[in-house]
Amino acid sequence: MVSTAFGFGENDTYLIQCPSRRCYHNLPSGLVTLLEQGDVAEVLNVAFGPGGSYAMAFREPCSRGYRLQTDRLPADLESWLFKTGWFGNYKRSFSTMQISLGPKTGRFFASDGKSSLWDELPPKLEQKFASMRQNGGTGGWISKQPTLVSFGSGDDFVLLAKAEDETEIFWELKGYPELAKALQTILDNDRLADLKNLSLSPFKKDTFALLIDDIFVQNGVLAKFLPAFEKFGEDVKLDAAAARPARQEEMQPEASSSQRMSAVDVPVMSTSDSLKLHHASLLSTQDYIFDGLAKKRCQHCMKPEGVCVCPLPYYLTDFIR
């Protein structure tokens, strides 16, 4: 199974990641800082809400652990996410955390696979949850537990619930007709078990992305971002066979040379890139097109040369703005 994460926010904000590519545009400054400093080895889950709110769960380089970066979340959700035990350890599992934020403040769903929290759900989703829980909708889950909730605009949503080998999907998609057709086709062809990930834009109707098996599908993305999404889909297929290391480069829109797009793309490294990888003291000879200075970055810890303390550094030439 290919590990992917993708999310859409206000003002054309998006982030998509597979093992060998990371693309993003118009992210909150806190997330940009994390990504550009090399503090994120893999994005596990990302959600964008109104007013610049967000949550991103990620794995740190060198297997140091898992972290959750948030901003402007509802107070009850923030408190639940970072609740600690007697010894100061977090009670929630950030490595399995799934968070979805709605188009209005206060609508959210969060689960780490063991416990869940939600508020201000769409009416039909609230009713569905009640039918899935014990004691008339106030107790624990009867059998199936939500494994994915994605909020769309208005009261639209998609719910994916599982119990052992049984999977159920439930949706309300008045503003997402193309996705409703796609999900019905998946059901008709008995492919629900192959649905690996899905994300609706809470702020733009009929804009979504989903991963079924190793096929990445998107709809509603602006034309200037399509090259990044198309490359991402190609690399998801490659990553189904094997994950590859990544590098960052800044993309330019095809529309106009006078306009500059601040989207960042992380393409796969393959033999077609004419990349020469060398261990220890040997360095990469790949030429990058990137605004800024060239620096050598260790791919184990993501730290620059001179800061890296890995016993066997694995350097690649990178360009930092």
C-alpha atoms as a PDB file:
ATOM      1  CA  MET A   1       0.000   0.000   0.000  1.00  0.00           C
ATOM      2  CA  VAL A   2       1.321   3.429  -0.964  1.00  0.00           C
ATOM      3  CA  SER A   3       1.317   5.934   1.890  1.00  0.00           C
ATOM      4  CA  THR A   4      -0.274   9.207   0.764  1.00  0.00           C
ATOM      5  CA  ALA A   5      -1.596  12.377   2.342  1.00  0.00           C
ATOM      6  CA  PHE A   6      -3.484  15.190   0.703  1.00  0.00           C
ATOM      7  CA  GLY A   7      -5.662  18.091   1.753  1.00  0.00           C
ATOM      8  CA  PHE A   8      -7.260  21.238   0.356  1.00  0.00           C
ATOM      9  CA  GLY A   9      -7.775  24.602   2.060  1.00  0.00           C
ATOM     10  CA  GLU A  10      -8.931  28.147   1.444  1.00  0.00           C
ATOM     11  CA  ASN A  11      -7.421  30.356  -1.279  1.00  0.00           C
ATOM     12  CA  ASP A  12      -6.136  27.437  -3.389  1.00  0.00           C
ATOM     13  CA  THR A  13      -4.142  25.962  -0.518  1.00  0.00           C
ATOM     14  CA  TYR A  14      -3.197  22.329  -1.035  1.00  0.00           C
ATOM     15  CA  LEU A  15      -0.656  19.731   0.061  1.00  0.00           C
ATOM     16  CA  ILE A  16      -0.211  16.305  -1.509  1.00  0.00           C
ATOM     17  CA  GLN A  17       2.464  13.770  -0.564  1.00  0.00           C
ATOM     18  CA  CYS A  18       3.469  10.265  -1.568  1.00  0.00           C
ATOM     19  CA  PRO A  19       6.781   8.589  -0.643  1.00  0.00           C
ATOM     20  CA  SER A  20       8.679  10.252  -3.491  1.00  0.00           C
ATOM     21  CA  ARG A  21       6.897  13.543  -4.121  1.00  0.00           C
ATOM     22  CA  ARG A  22       5.547  16.413  -2.082  1.00  0.00           C
ATOM     23  CA  CYS A  23       3.675  19.312  -3.695  1.00  0.00           C
ATOM     24  CA  TYR A  24       2.124  22.261  -1.928  1.00  0.00           C
ATOM     25  CA  HIS A  25       0.875  25.789  -2.466  1.00  0.00           C
ATOM     26  CA  ASN A  26      -0.080  28.718  -0.260  1.00  0.00           C
ATOM     27  CA  LEU A  27       0.490  26.873   3.028  1.00  0.00           C
ATOM     28  CA  PRO A  28       0.342  28.603   6.416  1.00  0.00           C
ATOM     29  CA  SER A  29       3.751  29.987   7.371  1.00  0.00           C
ATOM     30  CA  GLY A  30       4.178  27.504  10.226  1.00  0.00           C
ATOM     31  CA  LEU A  31       3.979  24.548   7.848  1.00  0.00           C
ATOM     32  CA  VAL A  32       6.244  26.172   5.266  1.00  0.00           C
ATOM     33  CA  THR A  33       8.909  26.646   7.940  1.00  0.00           C
ATOM     34  CA  LEU A  34       8.728  22.986   8.972  1.00  0.00           C
ATOM     35  CA  LEU A  35       8.983  21.732   5.402  1.00  0.00           C
ATOM     36  CA  GLU A  36      11.780  24.061   4.297  1.00  0.00           C
ATOM     37  CA  GLN A  37      13.882  23.346   7.395  1.00  0.00           C
ATOM     38  CA  GLY A  38      13.792  19.630   6.630  1.00  0.00           C
ATOM     39  CA  ASP A  39      11.941  18.730   9.827  1.00  0.00           C
ATOM     40  CA  VAL A  40       9.351  16.597   7.974  1.00  0.00           C
ATOM     41  CA  ALA A  41      10.331  13.226   6.556  1.00  0.00           C
ATOM     42  CA  GLU A  42       6.774  12.134   5.727  1.00  0.00           C
ATOM     43  CA  VAL A  43       3.379  13.810   6.016  1.00  0.00           C
ATOM     44  CA  LEU A  44       0.882  11.312   7.419  1.00  0.00           C
ATOM     45  CA  ASN A  45      -2.285  13.397   7.604  1.00  0.00           C
ATOM     46  CA  VAL A  46      -3.130  17.022   6.857  1.00  0.00           C
ATOM     47  CA  ALA A  47      -6.328  19.045   7.224  1.00  0.00           C
ATOM     48  CA  PHE A  48      -7.102  22.699   6.538  1.00  0.00           C
ATOM     49  CA  GLY A  49      -9.975  24.608   8.087  1.00  0.00           C
ATOM     50  CA  PRO A  50     -11.347  28.154   8.002  1.00  0.00           C
ATOM     51  CA  GLY A  51      -9.354  31.203   9.060  1.00  0.00           C
ATOM     52  CA  GLY A  52      -5.935  29.609   8.568  1.00  0.00           C
ATOM     53  CA  SER A  53      -6.579  26.690  10.929  1.00  0.00           C
ATOM     54  CA  TYR A  54      -4.769  23.435  10.210  1.00  0.00           C
ATOM     55  CA  ALA A  55      -3.449  20.175  11.615  1.00  0.00           C
ATOM     56  CA  MET A  56      -0.616  18.077  10.197  1.00  0.00           C
ATOM     57  CA  ALA A  57       0.680  14.792  11.563  1.00  0.00           C
ATOM     58  CA  PHE A  58       4.120  13.804  10.319  1.00  0.00           C
ATOM     59  CA  ARG A  59       7.125  11.573  10.836  1.00  0.00           C
ATOM     60  CA  GLU A  60      10.400  13.236  11.757  1.00  0.00           C
ATOM     61  CA  PRO A  61      13.718  12.438  10.009  1.00  0.00           C
ATOM     62  CA  CYS A  62      16.005   9.718  11.387  1.00  0.00           C
ATOM     63  CA  SER A  63      12.976   7.977  12.933  1.00  0.00           C
ATOM     64  CA  ARG A  64      13.027  10.388  15.866  1.00  0.00           C
ATOM     65  CA  GLY A  65       9.299   9.942  16.235  1.00  0.00           C
ATOM     66  CA  TYR A  66       6.001  11.463  15.221  1.00  0.00           C
ATOM     67  CA  ARG A  67       4.702  14.984  15.734  1.00  0.00           C
ATOM     68  CA  LEU A  68       1.490  16.910  15.331  1.00  0.00           C
ATOM     69  CA  GLN A  69       1.605  20.554  14.239  1.00  0.00           C
ATOM     70  CA  THR A  70      -1.587  22.593  14.712  1.00  0.00           C
ATOM     71  CA  ASP A  71      -2.818  26.164  14.678  1.00  0.00           C
ATOM     72  CA  ARG A  72      -6.139  27.895  15.398  1.00  0.00           C
ATOM     73  CA  LEU A  73      -8.038  24.700  16.133  1.00  0.00           C
ATOM     74  CA  PRO A  74     -11.135  24.665  18.356  1.00  0.00           C
ATOM     75  CA  ALA A  75     -10.070  24.651  22.016  1.00  0.00           C
ATOM     76  CA  ASP A  76     -11.726  21.317  22.841  1.00  0.00           C
ATOM     77  CA  LEU A  77     -10.046  19.607  19.890  1.00  0.00           C
ATOM     78  CA  GLU A  78      -6.647  21.096  20.754  1.00  0.00           C
ATOM     79  CA  SER A  79      -6.995  19.952  24.368  1.00  0.00           C
ATOM     80  CA  TRP A  80      -7.989  16.428  23.316  1.00  0.00           C
ATOM     81  CA  LEU A  81      -5.154  16.074  20.812  1.00  0.00           C
ATOM     82  CA  PHE A  82      -2.409  17.074  23.241  1.00  0.00           C
ATOM     83  CA  LYS A  83      -3.758  15.500  26.432  1.00  0.00           C
ATOM     84  CA  THR A  84      -0.923  14.037  28.507  1.00  0.00           C
ATOM     85  CA  GLY A  85      -0.609  11.273  31.098  1.00  0.00           C
ATOM     86  CA  TRP A  86       0.987  11.261  34.537  1.00  0.00           C
ATOM     87  CA  PHE A  87       4.513  11.247  33.127  1.00  0.00           C
ATOM     88  CA  GLY A  88       3.917  13.923  30.484  1.00  0.00           C
ATOM     89  CA  ASN A  89       3.518  11.480  27.609  1.00  0.00           C
ATOM     90  CA  TYR A  90       0.874  12.197  25.002  1.00  0.00           C
ATOM     91  CA  LYS A  91      -2.173   9.934  25.193  1.00  0.00           C
ATOM     92  CA  ARG A  92      -2.969  10.173  21.491  1.00  0.00           C
ATOM     93  CA  SER A  93      -1.080   8.301  18.811  1.00  0.00           C
ATOM     94  CA  PHE A  94       0.174  10.864  16.292  1.00  0.00           C
ATOM     95  CA  SER A  95       1.370   8.114  13.938  1.00  0.00           C
ATOM     96  CA  THR A  96      -2.216   6.948  13.337  1.00  0.00           C
ATOM     97  CA  MET A  97      -3.997  10.283  13.778  1.00  0.00           C
ATOM     98  CA  GLN A  98      -6.704  11.193  11.273  1.00  0.00           C
ATOM     99  CA  ILE A  99      -8.131  14.730  11.464  1.00  0.00           C
ATOM    100  CA  SER A 100     -10.724  16.380   9.264  1.00  0.00           C
ATOM    101  CA  LEU A 101     -11.771  20.031   9.505  1.00  0.00           C
ATOM    102  CA  GLY A 102     -14.986  21.430   8.072  1.00  0.00           C
ATOM    103  CA  PRO A 103     -15.753  24.631   6.202  1.00  0.00           C
ATOM    104  CA  LYS A 104     -16.976  26.383   9.347  1.00  0.00           C
ATOM    105  CA  THR A 105     -15.273  26.854  12.717  1.00  0.00           C
ATOM    106  CA  GLY A 106     -16.171  24.117  15.188  1.00  0.00           C
ATOM    107  CA  ARG A 107     -16.800  21.293  12.707  1.00  0.00           C
ATOM    108  CA  PHE A 108     -14.196  18.560  13.046  1.00  0.00           C
ATOM    109  CA  PHE A 109     -13.541  14.845  13.408  1.00  0.00           C
ATOM    110  CA  ALA A 110     -10.391  13.330  14.916  1.00  0.00           C
ATOM    111  CA  SER A 111      -9.380   9.751  15.673  1.00  0.00           C
ATOM    112  CA  ASP A 112      -6.175   7.876  16.414  1.00  0.00           C
ATOM    113  CA  GLY A 113      -7.812   4.470  15.980  1.00  0.00           C
ATOM    114  CA  LYS A 114      -8.428   4.028  19.706  1.00  0.00           C
ATOM    115  CA  SER A 115     -10.466   7.078  20.631  1.00  0.00           C
ATOM    116  CA  SER A 116     -12.346   9.724  18.690  1.00  0.00           C
ATOM    117  CA  LEU A 117     -13.701  13.231  19.072  1.00  0.00           C
ATOM    118  CA  TRP A 118     -16.070  15.237  16.880  1.00  0.00           C
ATOM    119  CA  ASP A 119     -18.371  18.219  16.955  1.00  0.00           C
ATOM    120  CA  GLU A 120     -20.946  20.041  14.814  1.00  0.00           C
ATOM    121  CA  LEU A 121     -21.247  17.223  12.301  1.00  0.00           C
ATOM    122  CA  PRO A 122     -23.578  17.509   9.298  1.00  0.00           C
ATOM    123  CA  PRO A 123     -27.055  16.248  10.328  1.00  0.00           C
ATOM    124  CA  LYS A 124     -26.927  13.075   8.208  1.00  0.00           C
ATOM    125  CA  LEU A 125     -23.473  12.168   9.521  1.00  0.00           C
ATOM    126  CA  GLU A 126     -24.651  12.785  13.090  1.00  0.00           C
ATOM    127  CA  GLN A 127     -27.527  10.378  12.508  1.00  0.00           C
ATOM    128  CA  LYS A 128     -25.204   7.786  10.970  1.00  0.00           C
ATOM    129  CA  PHE A 129     -22.838   7.970  13.940  1.00  0.00           C
ATOM    130  CA  ALA A 130     -25.763   7.493  16.330  1.00  0.00           C
ATOM    131  CA  SER A 131     -26.791   4.314  14.492  1.00  0.00           C
ATOM    132  CA  MET A 132     -23.223   2.975  14.746  1.00  0.00           C
ATOM    133  CA  ARG A 133     -22.939   3.454  18.515  1.00  0.00           C
ATOM    134  CA  GLN A 134     -24.242   1.586  21.535  1.00  0.00           C
ATOM    135  CA  ASN A 135     -26.805   2.808  24.080  1.00  0.00           C
ATOM    136  CA  GLY A 136     -28.855   4.758  21.605  1.00  0.00           C
ATOM    137  CA  GLY A 137     -25.905   6.596  20.109  1.00  0.00           C
ATOM    138  CA  THR A 138     -24.136   7.566  23.349  1.00  0.00           C
ATOM    139  CA  GLY A 139     -21.841   4.570  23.899  1.00  0.00           C
ATOM    140  CA  GLY A 140     -18.936   2.983  22.072  1.00  0.00           C
ATOM    141  CA  TRP A 141     -18.933   1.753  18.500  1.00  0.00           C
ATOM    142  CA  ILE A 142     -21.058  -1.344  17.928  1.00  0.00           C
ATOM    143  CA  SER A 143     -18.808  -2.900  15.290  1.00  0.00           C
ATOM    144  CA  LYS A 144     -17.578  -0.635  12.512  1.00  0.00           C
ATOM    145  CA  GLN A 145     -15.425   2.351  13.462  1.00  0.00           C
ATOM    146  CA  PRO A 146     -14.833   5.436  11.330  1.00  0.00           C
ATOM    147  CA  THR A 147     -11.444   5.218   9.620  1.00  0.00           C
ATOM    148  CA  LEU A 148     -11.881   8.250   7.361  1.00  0.00           C
ATOM    149  CA  VAL A 149     -14.137  11.293   7.490  1.00  0.00           C
ATOM    150  CA  SER A 150     -13.794  14.088   4.955  1.00  0.00           C
ATOM    151  CA  PHE A 151     -15.916  17.232   5.038  1.00  0.00           C
ATOM    152  CA  GLY A 152     -16.958  19.109   1.931  1.00  0.00           C
ATOM    153  CA  SER A 153     -18.674  22.431   1.487  1.00  0.00           C
ATOM    154  CA  GLY A 154     -22.047  22.937   3.143  1.00  0.00           C
ATOM    155  CA  ASP A 155     -23.118  19.672   4.788  1.00  0.00           C
ATOM    156  CA  ASP A 156     -21.416  17.359   2.294  1.00  0.00           C
ATOM    157  CA  PHE A 157     -19.160  14.588   3.598  1.00  0.00           C
ATOM    158  CA  VAL A 158     -17.758  11.099   3.029  1.00  0.00           C
ATOM    159  CA  LEU A 159     -17.497   8.482   5.792  1.00  0.00           C
ATOM    160  CA  LEU A 160     -15.462   5.288   5.545  1.00  0.00           C
ATOM    161  CA  ALA A 161     -15.944   2.769   8.378  1.00  0.00           C
ATOM    162  CA  LYS A 162     -14.352  -0.628   8.926  1.00  0.00           C
ATOM    163  CA  ALA A 163     -14.729  -3.669  11.150  1.00  0.00           C
ATOM    164  CA  GLU A 164     -12.063  -6.326  10.586  1.00  0.00           C
ATOM    165  CA  ASP A 165     -12.485  -7.268   6.907  1.00  0.00           C
ATOM    166  CA  GLU A 166     -15.780  -5.451   6.416  1.00  0.00           C
ATOM    167  CA  THR A 167     -15.837  -1.924   4.974  1.00  0.00           C
ATOM    168  CA  GLU A 168     -18.742   0.502   4.598  1.00  0.00           C
ATOM    169  CA  ILE A 169     -18.939   3.878   2.887  1.00  0.00           C
ATOM    170  CA  PHE A 170     -21.609   6.517   3.414  1.00  0.00           C
ATOM    171  CA  TRP A 171     -21.835   9.955   1.822  1.00  0.00           C
ATOM    172  CA  GLU A 172     -23.798  13.105   1.165  1.00  0.00           C
ATOM    173  CA  LEU A 173     -22.360  14.811  -1.923  1.00  0.00           C
ATOM    174  CA  LYS A 174     -24.818  17.318  -3.371  1.00  0.00           C
ATOM    175  CA  GLY A 175     -21.982  19.637  -4.378  1.00  0.00           C
ATOM    176  CA  TYR A 176     -19.630  16.872  -5.589  1.00  0.00           C
ATOM    177  CA  PRO A 177     -21.456  15.027  -8.394  1.00  0.00           C
ATOM    178  CA  GLU A 178     -18.255  13.726 -10.006  1.00  0.00           C
ATOM    179  CA  LEU A 179     -17.114  12.160  -6.742  1.00  0.00           C
ATOM    180  CA  ALA A 180     -20.557  10.648  -6.127  1.00  0.00           C
ATOM    181  CA  LYS A 181     -20.339   8.992  -9.564  1.00  0.00           C
ATOM    182  CA  ALA A 182     -16.820   7.724  -8.866  1.00  0.00           C
ATOM    183  CA  LEU A 183     -17.762   6.243  -5.491  1.00  0.00           C
ATOM    184  CA  GLN A 184     -20.840   4.556  -6.942  1.00  0.00           C
ATOM    185  CA  THR A 185     -18.659   3.038  -9.676  1.00  0.00           C
ATOM    186  CA  ILE A 186     -16.254   1.778  -7.017  1.00  0.00           C
ATOM    187  CA  LEU A 187     -19.151   0.135  -5.175  1.00  0.00           C
ATOM    188  CA  ASP A 188     -20.652  -1.348  -8.341  1.00  0.00           C
ATOM    189  CA  ASN A 189     -17.299  -2.929  -9.201  1.00  0.00           C
ATOM    190  CA  ASP A 190     -16.711  -4.203  -5.659  1.00  0.00           C
ATOM    191  CA  ARG A 191     -13.549  -2.103  -5.315  1.00  0.00           C
ATOM    192  CA  LEU A 192     -14.276  -0.460  -1.948  1.00  0.00           C
ATOM    193  CA  ALA A 193     -11.429  -2.346  -0.281  1.00  0.00           C
ATOM    194  CA  ASP A 194      -9.055  -0.686  -2.766  1.00  0.00           C
ATOM    195  CA  LEU A 195     -10.024   2.854  -1.695  1.00  0.00           C
ATOM    196  CA  LYS A 196      -6.931   3.962   0.253  1.00  0.00           C
ATOM    197  CA  ASN A 197      -7.427   7.694   0.750  1.00  0.00           C
ATOM    198  CA  LEU A 198      -9.854  10.480  -0.061  1.00  0.00           C
ATOM    199  CA  SER A 199     -10.080  14.213   0.595  1.00  0.00           C
ATOM    200  CA  LEU A 200     -12.719  16.773  -0.303  1.00  0.00           C
ATOM    201  CA  SER A 201     -12.091  20.489  -0.448  1.00  0.00           C
ATOM    202  CA  PRO A 202     -14.305  22.063   2.235  1.00  0.00           C
ATOM    203  CA  PHE A 203     -14.166  25.380   0.382  1.00  0.00           C
ATOM    204  CA  LYS A 204     -14.640  24.518  -3.290  1.00  0.00           C
ATOM    205  CA  LYS A 205     -17.424  22.337  -4.637  1.00  0.00           C
ATOM    206  CA  ASP A 206     -16.575  19.297  -6.755  1.00  0.00           C
ATOM    207  CA  THR A 207     -12.893  19.575  -5.869  1.00  0.00           C
ATOM    208  CA  PHE A 208     -11.432  16.383  -4.426  1.00  0.00           C
ATOM    209  CA  ALA A 209      -8.657  13.806  -4.637  1.00  0.00           C
ATOM    210  CA  LEU A 210      -8.733  10.086  -4.018  1.00  0.00           C
ATOM    211  CA  LEU A 211      -6.434   7.095  -4.226  1.00  0.00           C
ATOM    212  CA  ILE A 212      -7.852   3.751  -5.308  1.00  0.00           C
ATOM    213  CA  ASP A 213      -5.221   1.045  -5.284  1.00  0.00           C
ATOM    214  CA  ASP A 214      -2.319   2.879  -7.000  1.00  0.00           C
ATOM    215  CA  ILE A 215      -4.473   5.184  -9.135  1.00  0.00           C
ATOM    216  CA  PHE A 216      -4.610   8.836  -8.071  1.00  0.00           C
ATOM    217  CA  VAL A 217      -7.692  10.773  -9.186  1.00  0.00           C
ATOM    218  CA  GLN A 218      -8.338  14.490  -8.784  1.00  0.00           C
ATOM    219  CA  ASN A 219     -11.082  16.848  -9.873  1.00  0.00           C
ATOM    220  CA  GLY A 220     -11.549  20.613  -9.761  1.00  0.00           C
ATOM    221  CA  VAL A 221      -7.848  21.535  -9.461  1.00  0.00           C
ATOM    222  CA  LEU A 222      -6.873  24.812 -11.139  1.00  0.00           C
ATOM    223  CA  ALA A 223      -5.227  24.401 -14.545  1.00  0.00           C
ATOM    224  CA  LYS A 224      -1.954  25.975 -13.398  1.00  0.00           C
ATOM    225  CA  PHE A 225      -1.556  23.248 -10.759  1.00  0.00           C
ATOM    226  CA  LEU A 226      -2.373  20.331 -13.044  1.00  0.00           C
ATOM    227  CA  PRO A 227       1.280  19.566 -13.978  1.00  0.00           C
ATOM    228  CA  ALA A 228       2.118  18.991 -10.311  1.00  0.00           C
ATOM    229  CA  PHE A 229      -0.917  16.761  -9.777  1.00  0.00           C
ATOM    230  CA  GLU A 230      -0.208  14.780 -12.946  1.00  0.00           C
ATOM    231  CA  LYS A 231       3.386  14.142 -11.873  1.00  0.00           C
ATOM    232  CA  PHE A 232       2.114  13.147  -8.456  1.00  0.00           C
ATOM    233  CA  GLY A 233      -0.216  10.569  -9.993  1.00  0.00           C
ATOM    234  CA  GLU A 234       2.626   9.107 -12.036  1.00  0.00           C
ATOM    235  CA  ASP A 235       4.876   8.824  -8.998  1.00  0.00           C
ATOM    236  CA  VAL A 236       2.187   7.185  -6.879  1.00  0.00           C
ATOM    237  CA  LYS A 237       2.269   4.336  -9.396  1.00  0.00           C
ATOM    238  CA  LEU A 238       6.049   4.157  -9.186  1.00  0.00           C
ATOM    239  CA  ASP A 239       5.913   4.191  -5.396  1.00  0.00           C
ATOM    240  CA  ALA A 240       3.571   1.239  -5.402  1.00  0.00           C
ATOM    241  CA  ALA A 241       6.629  -0.811  -6.354  1.00  0.00           C
ATOM    242  CA  ALA A 242       9.267   1.000  -4.298  1.00  0.00           C
ATOM    243  CA  ALA A 243       9.650   4.301  -2.467  1.00  0.00           C
ATOM    244  CA  ARG A 244      12.378   6.591  -3.706  1.00  0.00           C
ATOM    245  CA  PRO A 245      14.221   9.531  -2.070  1.00  0.00           C
ATOM    246  CA  ALA A 246      13.077  13.035  -2.917  1.00  0.00           C
ATOM    247  CA  ARG A 247      14.348  16.507  -3.645  1.00  0.00           C
ATOM    248  CA  GLN A 248      12.622  19.887  -3.727  1.00  0.00           C
ATOM    249  CA  GLU A 249      12.330  22.282  -6.607  1.00  0.00           C
ATOM    250  CA  GLU A 250      10.182  25.335  -7.221  1.00  0.00           C
ATOM    251  CA  MET A 251       7.690  25.101 -10.079  1.00  0.00           C
ATOM    252  CA  GLN A 252       6.716  27.816 -12.534  1.00  0.00           C
ATOM    253  CA  PRO A 253       3.196  28.177 -13.975  1.00  0.00           C
ATOM    254  CA  GLU A 254       2.806  27.740 -17.690  1.00  0.00           C
ATOM    255  CA  ALA A 255       0.308  30.618 -17.941  1.00  0.00           C
ATOM    256  CA  SER A 256       2.469  33.732 -17.928  1.00  0.00           C
ATOM    257  CA  SER A 257       6.135  34.502 -17.409  1.00  0.00           C
ATOM    258  CA  SER A 258       5.148  37.639 -15.500  1.00  0.00           C
ATOM    259  CA  GLN A 259       3.272  35.587 -12.925  1.00  0.00           C
ATOM    260  CA  ARG A 260       5.125  33.387 -10.466  1.00  0.00           C
ATOM    261  CA  MET A 261       3.540  30.456  -8.679  1.00  0.00           C
ATOM    262  CA  SER A 262       4.780  29.687  -5.195  1.00  0.00           C
ATOM    263  CA  ALA A 263       3.900  25.991  -5.450  1.00  0.00           C
ATOM    264  CA  VAL A 264       6.662  23.622  -4.405  1.00  0.00           C
ATOM    265  CA  ASP A 265       7.113  20.235  -6.016  1.00  0.00           C
ATOM    266  CA  VAL A 266       9.149  17.295  -4.724  1.00  0.00           C
ATOM    267  CA  PRO A 267       9.789  14.968  -7.688  1.00  0.00           C
ATOM    268  CA  VAL A 268      10.958  11.369  -7.591  1.00  0.00           C
ATOM    269  CA  MET A 269      14.618  10.539  -8.094  1.00  0.00           C
ATOM    270  CA  SER A 270      15.090   7.964 -10.820  1.00  0.00           C
ATOM    271  CA  THR A 271      17.693   6.946 -13.357  1.00  0.00           C
ATOM    272  CA  SER A 272      15.982   9.230 -15.856  1.00  0.00           C
ATOM    273  CA  ASP A 273      17.040  12.173 -13.682  1.00  0.00           C
ATOM    274  CA  SER A 274      20.710  11.253 -14.399  1.00  0.00           C
ATOM    275  CA  LEU A 275      21.259  11.405 -10.655  1.00  0.00           C
ATOM    276  CA  LYS A 276      24.432   9.940  -9.197  1.00  0.00           C
ATOM    277  CA  LEU A 277      24.033   8.989  -5.554  1.00  0.00           C
ATOM    278  CA  HIS A 278      27.127   8.327  -3.465  1.00  0.00           C
ATOM    279  CA  HIS A 279      27.445   7.332   0.170  1.00  0.00           C
ATOM    280  CA  ALA A 280      29.727   8.774   2.853  1.00  0.00           C
ATOM    281  CA  SER A 281      32.019  11.494   1.491  1.00  0.00           C
ATOM    282  CA  LEU A 282      30.910  11.229  -2.149  1.00  0.00           C
ATOM    283  CA  LEU A 283      28.411  13.863  -3.272  1.00  0.00           C
ATOM    284  CA  SER A 284      25.628  14.166  -5.833  1.00  0.00           C
ATOM    285  CA  THR A 285      26.348  15.773  -9.203  1.00  0.00           C
ATOM    286  CA  GLN A 286      22.688  16.494 -10.082  1.00  0.00           C
ATOM    287  CA  ASP A 287      22.021  20.054 -11.330  1.00  0.00           C
ATOM    288  CA  TYR A 288      18.891  21.608  -9.875  1.00  0.00           C
ATOM    289  CA  ILE A 289      16.908  24.618 -11.126  1.00  0.00           C
ATOM    290  CA  PHE A 290      16.072  26.519  -7.958  1.00  0.00           C
ATOM    291  CA  ASP A 291      16.303  30.123  -6.762  1.00  0.00           C
ATOM    292  CA  GLY A 292      18.961  30.442  -4.066  1.00  0.00           C
ATOM    293  CA  LEU A 293      22.227  28.934  -2.918  1.00  0.00           C
ATOM    294  CA  ALA A 294      23.370  25.361  -3.354  1.00  0.00           C
ATOM    295  CA  LYS A 295      23.778  23.370  -0.155  1.00  0.00           C
ATOM    296  CA  LYS A 296      24.515  19.746   0.600  1.00  0.00           C
ATOM    297  CA  ARG A 297      21.798  18.070   2.674  1.00  0.00           C
ATOM    298  CA  CYS A 298      21.966  14.653   4.334  1.00  0.00           C
ATOM    299  CA  GLN A 299      19.003  12.509   3.293  1.00  0.00           C
ATOM    300  CA  HIS A 300      19.015  10.587   6.589  1.00  0.00           C
ATOM    301  CA  CYS A 301      18.496  13.520   8.956  1.00  0.00           C
ATOM    302  CA  MET A 302      17.640  16.226   6.360  1.00  0.00           C
ATOM    303  CA  LYS A 303      20.243  18.526   7.943  1.00  0.00           C
ATOM    304  CA  PRO A 304      22.855  20.566   5.998  1.00  0.00           C
ATOM    305  CA  GLU A 305      26.487  19.560   5.762  1.00  0.00           C
ATOM    306  CA  GLY A 306      28.283  20.755   8.881  1.00  0.00           C
ATOM    307  CA  VAL A 307      25.169  20.256  11.003  1.00  0.00           C
ATOM    308  CA  CYS A 308      24.596  16.585  10.151  1.00  0.00           C
ATOM    309  CA  VAL A 309      26.067  14.180  12.731  1.00  0.00           C
ATOM    310  CA  CYS A 310      25.062  10.915  11.052  1.00  0.00           C
ATOM    311  CA  PRO A 311      27.873   8.295  11.156  1.00  0.00           C
ATOM    312  CA  LEU A 312      27.383   7.613   7.425  1.00  0.00           C
ATOM    313  CA  PRO A 313      25.935  10.774   5.885  1.00  0.00           C
ATOM    314  CA  TYR A 314      24.088  10.423   2.616  1.00  0.00           C
ATOM    315  CA  TYR A 315      24.395  13.807   0.916  1.00  0.00           C
ATOM    316  CA  LEU A 316      22.425  15.289  -1.948  1.00  0.00           C
ATOM    317  CA  THR A 317      22.918  18.727  -3.413  1.00  0.00           C
ATOM    318  CA  ASP A 318      19.932  20.895  -2.552  1.00  0.00           C
ATOM    319  CA  PHE A 319      19.044  24.507  -3.239  1.00  0.00           C
ATOM    320  CA  ILE A 320      17.586  26.562  -0.414  1.00  0.00           C
ATOM    321  CA  ARG A 321      15.799  29.859  -0.904  1.00  0.00           C
END
